[in-house]
Protein backbone atom coordinates (compact mmCIF):
# COMPACT_ATOMS: atom_id res chain seq x y z
CA UNK A 1 14.43 17.97 -2.79
CA UNK A 2 14.94 14.24 -3.11
CA UNK A 3 14.42 12.12 0.07
CA UNK A 4 17.57 10.54 1.56
CA UNK A 5 16.22 7.05 0.87
CA UNK A 6 14.87 5.01 -2.04
CA UNK A 7 11.92 2.63 -1.77
CA UNK A 8 12.88 -0.52 -3.64
CA UNK A 9 9.95 -2.80 -2.83
CA UNK A 10 6.60 -2.78 -1.01
CA UNK A 11 5.27 -6.11 0.31
CA UNK A 12 1.76 -6.56 1.67
CA UNK A 13 -0.69 -9.23 2.77
CA UNK A 14 -3.72 -7.02 2.05
CA UNK A 15 -4.95 -7.30 -1.52
CA UNK A 16 -6.75 -3.92 -1.15
CA UNK A 17 -3.38 -2.13 -0.78
CA UNK A 18 -1.98 -3.51 -4.06
CA UNK A 19 -1.57 -0.57 -6.40
CA UNK A 20 0.52 0.11 -9.49
CA UNK A 21 3.43 2.42 -9.02
CA UNK A 22 7.18 2.86 -9.06
CA UNK A 23 8.64 0.31 -6.69
CA UNK A 24 8.26 -3.45 -6.95
CA UNK A 25 5.01 -4.45 -5.21
CA UNK A 26 4.45 -8.00 -4.02
CA UNK A 27 1.40 -9.62 -2.41
CA UNK A 28 1.13 -12.80 -0.34
CA UNK A 29 -1.70 -13.91 1.89
CA UNK A 30 0.72 -16.15 3.80
CA UNK A 31 2.48 -14.05 6.49
CA UNK A 32 5.48 -16.37 6.86
CA UNK A 33 6.03 -16.34 3.10
CA UNK A 34 5.71 -12.55 3.09
CA UNK A 35 8.35 -12.22 5.80
CA UNK A 36 10.73 -14.58 4.00
CA UNK A 37 10.30 -12.79 0.67
CA UNK A 38 11.03 -9.49 2.41
CA UNK A 39 14.28 -10.81 3.93
CA UNK A 40 15.39 -12.42 0.66
CA UNK A 41 14.76 -9.28 -1.39
CA UNK A 42 16.54 -7.08 1.13
CA UNK A 43 19.57 -9.37 1.18
CA UNK A 44 19.70 -9.55 -2.60
CA UNK A 45 19.48 -5.77 -2.94
CA UNK A 46 21.70 -5.05 0.07
CA UNK A 47 18.92 -2.94 1.56
CA UNK A 48 17.10 -2.38 4.85
CA UNK A 49 13.59 -3.44 5.85
CA UNK A 50 10.97 -1.32 7.61
CA UNK A 51 7.80 -2.93 8.98
CA UNK A 52 4.98 -0.40 8.92
CA UNK A 53 2.30 -0.27 11.62
CA UNK A 54 -0.23 -1.80 9.20
CA UNK A 55 1.96 -4.92 8.91
CA UNK A 56 3.29 -4.18 5.40
CA UNK A 57 7.01 -4.06 4.66
CA UNK A 58 9.17 -1.55 2.81
CA UNK A 59 12.58 -2.50 1.43
CA UNK A 60 14.60 0.72 1.34
CA UNK A 61 18.11 1.85 0.53
CA UNK A 62 19.55 4.74 2.48
């Protein structure tokens, strides 16, 4: 069964969590830049943002 959401992008400030995979993955060591990229991508894709407890962000479409 397919989940009711789609992960469109994964944004992180931890280089160790950068892996290859399906969704777009972006890295920035500047937290303000990371937040702004997340907002810009979500607006452009008309999607929602989830901040995970580890500080990374997911851009998802429900």
